[in-house]
C-alpha atoms as a PDB file:
ATOM      1  CA  UNK A   1      -1.493   4.390 -29.432  1.00  0.00           C
ATOM      2  CA  UNK A   2      -0.618   6.710 -27.786  1.00  0.00           C
ATOM      3  CA  UNK A   3       1.609   6.607 -24.053  1.00  0.00           C
ATOM      4  CA  UNK A   4       0.791   9.804 -21.724  1.00  0.00           C
ATOM      5  CA  UNK A   5       0.504  10.350 -18.196  1.00  0.00           C
ATOM      6  CA  UNK A   6      -3.587  11.114 -17.027  1.00  0.00           C
ATOM      7  CA  UNK A   7      -4.019  14.744 -16.373  1.00  0.00           C
ATOM      8  CA  UNK A   8      -7.674  15.923 -17.549  1.00  0.00           C
ATOM      9  CA  UNK A   9     -10.186  15.075 -15.137  1.00  0.00           C
ATOM     10  CA  UNK A  10     -11.609  12.782 -18.260  1.00  0.00           C
ATOM     11  CA  UNK A  11      -8.294  10.673 -18.461  1.00  0.00           C
ATOM     12  CA  UNK A  12      -7.752  10.349 -14.459  1.00  0.00           C
ATOM     13  CA  UNK A  13     -11.944   8.597 -14.855  1.00  0.00           C
ATOM     14  CA  UNK A  14     -10.733   6.915 -17.792  1.00  0.00           C
ATOM     15  CA  UNK A  15      -7.130   5.719 -16.113  1.00  0.00           C
ATOM     16  CA  UNK A  16      -8.747   4.848 -12.645  1.00  0.00           C
ATOM     17  CA  UNK A  17     -11.365   3.111 -14.218  1.00  0.00           C
ATOM     18  CA  UNK A  18      -9.327   0.866 -16.212  1.00  0.00           C
ATOM     19  CA  UNK A  19      -7.526   0.029 -13.247  1.00  0.00           C
ATOM     20  CA  UNK A  20     -10.666  -0.811 -11.261  1.00  0.00           C
ATOM     21  CA  UNK A  21     -12.465  -2.587 -13.571  1.00  0.00           C
ATOM     22  CA  UNK A  22      -9.475  -5.232 -14.008  1.00  0.00           C
ATOM     23  CA  UNK A  23      -8.329  -4.847 -10.801  1.00  0.00           C
ATOM     24  CA  UNK A  24     -11.232  -4.674  -8.444  1.00  0.00           C
ATOM     25  CA  UNK A  25     -14.589  -5.323 -10.432  1.00  0.00           C
ATOM     26  CA  UNK A  26     -13.561  -9.077 -10.678  1.00  0.00           C
ATOM     27  CA  UNK A  27     -13.417  -9.214  -6.861  1.00  0.00           C
ATOM     28  CA  UNK A  28     -16.352  -7.623  -6.210  1.00  0.00           C
ATOM     29  CA  UNK A  29     -14.305  -4.833  -4.802  1.00  0.00           C
ATOM     30  CA  UNK A  30     -15.600  -1.067  -4.720  1.00  0.00           C
ATOM     31  CA  UNK A  31     -15.200   1.743  -6.734  1.00  0.00           C
ATOM     32  CA  UNK A  32     -12.532   3.923  -4.871  1.00  0.00           C
ATOM     33  CA  UNK A  33     -10.153   0.567  -3.893  1.00  0.00           C
ATOM     34  CA  UNK A  34      -8.246   1.180  -6.920  1.00  0.00           C
ATOM     35  CA  UNK A  35      -6.574   3.572  -5.990  1.00  0.00           C
ATOM     36  CA  UNK A  36      -4.872   4.854  -2.434  1.00  0.00           C
ATOM     37  CA  UNK A  37      -3.159   7.922  -1.177  1.00  0.00           C
ATOM     38  CA  UNK A  38       0.652   7.382  -2.864  1.00  0.00           C
ATOM     39  CA  UNK A  39      -1.317   8.012  -6.298  1.00  0.00           C
ATOM     40  CA  UNK A  40      -1.164  11.922  -5.147  1.00  0.00           C
ATOM     41  CA  UNK A  41       2.969  11.282  -5.614  1.00  0.00           C
ATOM     42  CA  UNK A  42       3.238   8.431  -8.102  1.00  0.00           C
ATOM     43  CA  UNK A  43       4.465   8.859 -11.711  1.00  0.00           C
ATOM     44  CA  UNK A  44       1.833   7.079 -13.960  1.00  0.00           C
ATOM     45  CA  UNK A  45       1.729   5.398 -17.047  1.00  0.00           C
ATOM     46  CA  UNK A  46      -1.717   5.536 -19.254  1.00  0.00           C
ATOM     47  CA  UNK A  47      -1.755   3.651 -22.732  1.00  0.00           C
ATOM     48  CA  UNK A  48      -4.711   4.763 -25.015  1.00  0.00           C
ATOM     49  CA  UNK A  49      -5.992   3.611 -28.776  1.00  0.00           C
ATOM     50  CA  UNK A  50      -5.774   6.181 -31.330  1.00  0.00           C
ATOM     51  CA  UNK A  51      -9.344   6.797 -30.520  1.00  0.00           C
ATOM     52  CA  UNK A  52      -8.539   6.960 -26.730  1.00  0.00           C
ATOM     53  CA  UNK A  53      -9.717   3.800 -25.633  1.00  0.00           C
ATOM     54  CA  UNK A  54      -7.978   2.431 -22.454  1.00  0.00           C
ATOM     55  CA  UNK A  55      -5.559   0.259 -23.174  1.00  0.00           C
ATOM     56  CA  UNK A  56      -3.179  -0.067 -20.327  1.00  0.00           C
ATOM     57  CA  UNK A  57      -2.368   1.087 -17.015  1.00  0.00           C
ATOM     58  CA  UNK A  58       0.207   1.628 -14.170  1.00  0.00           C
ATOM     59  CA  UNK A  59       1.997   3.603 -11.762  1.00  0.00           C
ATOM     60  CA  UNK A  60       5.275   3.874  -9.322  1.00  0.00           C
ATOM     61  CA  UNK A  61       6.480   5.202  -6.584  1.00  0.00           C
ATOM     62  CA  UNK A  62       9.968   5.965  -4.502  1.00  0.00           C
ATOM     63  CA  UNK A  63       9.695   3.934  -1.251  1.00  0.00           C
ATOM     64  CA  UNK A  64      13.283   4.934  -0.917  1.00  0.00           C
ATOM     65  CA  UNK A  65      16.175   7.369  -2.687  1.00  0.00           C
ATOM     66  CA  UNK A  66      16.938   4.511  -4.244  1.00  0.00           C
ATOM     67  CA  UNK A  67      14.381   1.902  -4.584  1.00  0.00           C
ATOM     68  CA  UNK A  68      10.730   2.398  -6.524  1.00  0.00           C
ATOM     69  CA  UNK A  69       7.392  -0.041  -5.645  1.00  0.00           C
ATOM     70  CA  UNK A  70       5.162  -0.923  -9.229  1.00  0.00           C
ATOM     71  CA  UNK A  71       1.871  -1.136  -8.629  1.00  0.00           C
ATOM     72  CA  UNK A  72      -1.548  -1.569 -10.247  1.00  0.00           C
ATOM     73  CA  UNK A  73      -0.204  -2.066 -13.751  1.00  0.00           C
ATOM     74  CA  UNK A  74      -3.584  -2.987 -15.997  1.00  0.00           C
ATOM     75  CA  UNK A  75      -4.100  -4.313 -19.267  1.00  0.00           C
ATOM     76  CA  UNK A  76      -7.867  -4.463 -20.718  1.00  0.00           C
ATOM     77  CA  UNK A  77      -9.015  -7.762 -21.536  1.00  0.00           C
ATOM     78  CA  UNK A  78      -8.965  -6.862 -24.717  1.00  0.00           C
ATOM     79  CA  UNK A  79      -5.469  -5.959 -25.644  1.00  0.00           C
ATOM     80  CA  UNK A  80      -4.081  -9.152 -23.737  1.00  0.00           C
ATOM     81  CA  UNK A  81      -0.953 -10.192 -24.962  1.00  0.00           C
ATOM     82  CA  UNK A  82       0.027  -7.134 -28.036  1.00  0.00           C
ATOM     83  CA  UNK A  83       2.609  -5.769 -25.869  1.00  0.00           C
ATOM     84  CA  UNK A  84       1.098  -3.052 -23.550  1.00  0.00           C
ATOM     85  CA  UNK A  85       2.431  -4.987 -20.665  1.00  0.00           C
ATOM     86  CA  UNK A  86       5.842  -4.961 -22.150  1.00  0.00           C
ATOM     87  CA  UNK A  87       5.903  -0.833 -23.193  1.00  0.00           C
ATOM     88  CA  UNK A  88       4.170   0.180 -20.158  1.00  0.00           C
ATOM     89  CA  UNK A  89       7.594  -1.631 -17.687  1.00  0.00           C
ATOM     90  CA  UNK A  90       9.870  -0.017 -20.353  1.00  0.00           C
ATOM     91  CA  UNK A  91       7.421   3.110 -19.175  1.00  0.00           C
ATOM     92  CA  UNK A  92       8.213   2.922 -15.691  1.00  0.00           C
ATOM     93  CA  UNK A  93      11.748   1.337 -15.226  1.00  0.00           C
ATOM     94  CA  UNK A  94      13.174   4.145 -17.485  1.00  0.00           C
ATOM     95  CA  UNK A  95      11.597   6.645 -15.705  1.00  0.00           C
ATOM     96  CA  UNK A  96      12.668   5.276 -12.460  1.00  0.00           C
ATOM     97  CA  UNK A  97      15.949   5.135 -13.498  1.00  0.00           C
ATOM     98  CA  UNK A  98      15.849   8.738 -14.942  1.00  0.00           C
ATOM     99  CA  UNK A  99      15.408  10.090 -11.790  1.00  0.00           C
ATOM    100  CA  UNK A 100      17.647   7.628  -9.643  1.00  0.00           C
ATOM    101  CA  UNK A 101      16.420   4.464  -8.871  1.00  0.00           C
ATOM    102  CA  UNK A 102      18.572   1.514  -8.762  1.00  0.00           C
ATOM    103  CA  UNK A 103      15.957  -1.107  -7.654  1.00  0.00           C
ATOM    104  CA  UNK A 104      12.444  -1.739  -8.791  1.00  0.00           C
ATOM    105  CA  UNK A 105      10.012  -3.733  -6.346  1.00  0.00           C
ATOM    106  CA  UNK A 106       6.702  -5.058  -6.383  1.00  0.00           C
ATOM    107  CA  UNK A 107       4.136  -7.716  -5.463  1.00  0.00           C
ATOM    108  CA  UNK A 108       2.968  -9.636  -9.332  1.00  0.00           C
ATOM    109  CA  UNK A 109      -0.366 -11.768  -8.928  1.00  0.00           C
ATOM    110  CA  UNK A 110       0.569 -15.558  -9.272  1.00  0.00           C
ATOM    111  CA  UNK A 111      -1.185 -15.082 -12.648  1.00  0.00           C
ATOM    112  CA  UNK A 112       0.923 -12.665 -13.885  1.00  0.00           C
ATOM    113  CA  UNK A 113       4.379 -14.158 -12.860  1.00  0.00           C
ATOM    114  CA  UNK A 114       5.730 -15.349 -15.849  1.00  0.00           C
ATOM    115  CA  UNK A 115       5.340 -11.746 -16.897  1.00  0.00           C
ATOM    116  CA  UNK A 116       7.682 -10.393 -14.905  1.00  0.00           C
ATOM    117  CA  UNK A 117       9.824 -13.223 -15.005  1.00  0.00           C
ATOM    118  CA  UNK A 118      10.322 -12.822 -18.771  1.00  0.00           C
ATOM    119  CA  UNK A 119      11.002  -8.613 -17.753  1.00  0.00           C
ATOM    120  CA  UNK A 120      13.487  -9.675 -15.773  1.00  0.00           C
ATOM    121  CA  UNK A 121      12.256  -9.838 -12.220  1.00  0.00           C
ATOM    122  CA  UNK A 122      13.246 -11.846  -9.415  1.00  0.00           C
ATOM    123  CA  UNK A 123      11.320 -13.858  -7.321  1.00  0.00           C
ATOM    124  CA  UNK A 124      12.147 -12.664  -3.409  1.00  0.00           C
ATOM    125  CA  UNK A 125       9.222 -14.512  -1.472  1.00  0.00           C
ATOM    126  CA  UNK A 126       5.973 -15.028  -1.205  1.00  0.00           C
ATOM    127  CA  UNK A 127       3.297 -12.113  -0.799  1.00  0.00           C
ATOM    128  CA  UNK A 128      -0.386 -11.420   0.334  1.00  0.00           C
ATOM    129  CA  UNK A 129      -3.593 -13.310  -0.178  1.00  0.00           C
ATOM    130  CA  UNK A 130      -5.441 -10.409  -1.699  1.00  0.00           C
ATOM    131  CA  UNK A 131      -8.797 -10.546  -1.159  1.00  0.00           C
ATOM    132  CA  UNK A 132      -9.034 -14.210  -0.007  1.00  0.00           C
ATOM    133  CA  UNK A 133      -8.139 -16.067  -3.105  1.00  0.00           C
ATOM    134  CA  UNK A 134      -6.038 -13.817  -5.391  1.00  0.00           C
ATOM    135  CA  UNK A 135      -2.241 -14.992  -4.619  1.00  0.00           C
ATOM    136  CA  UNK A 136       0.868 -12.249  -4.687  1.00  0.00           C
ATOM    137  CA  UNK A 137       4.823 -12.783  -4.581  1.00  0.00           C
ATOM    138  CA  UNK A 138       7.119 -10.672  -3.836  1.00  0.00           C
ATOM    139  CA  UNK A 139       9.594  -9.265  -6.675  1.00  0.00           C
ATOM    140  CA  UNK A 140      12.537  -7.323  -7.648  1.00  0.00           C
ATOM    141  CA  UNK A 141      14.362  -6.357 -10.222  1.00  0.00           C
ATOM    142  CA  UNK A 142      18.067  -4.327  -9.690  1.00  0.00           C
ATOM    143  CA  UNK A 143      19.380  -2.011 -12.186  1.00  0.00           C
ATOM    144  CA  UNK A 144      23.225  -2.739 -13.050  1.00  0.00           C
END
């Protein structure tokens, strides 16, 4: 397994393809909807198998001097429940701490709520409903 920051055109293509396949395609969202303007300033984590198959992706960006937001967490269906999500979270949180963050916020799909609770996140409030049927919950974790 390799934990990288995507850098080559092929890695970026694989990275965005994974985000689209897991986070957008099941809801009939077009390619390109898995990206946003803050991608340019974000820290990205990409996990590949030993034979370079995409396993997981995620990213974080600063929303203010002390707060980062984690977004676009995606684990390939074939790699679910193998610790990939935990590796992504640990890598993103470590980078946040190194860069002075004191707080992480995120909008969890309700289907992933237990994952974030197990990783020390607290529920703030109900969030938006994406694609008319995908409820989210606003969560945070404060670094002590």
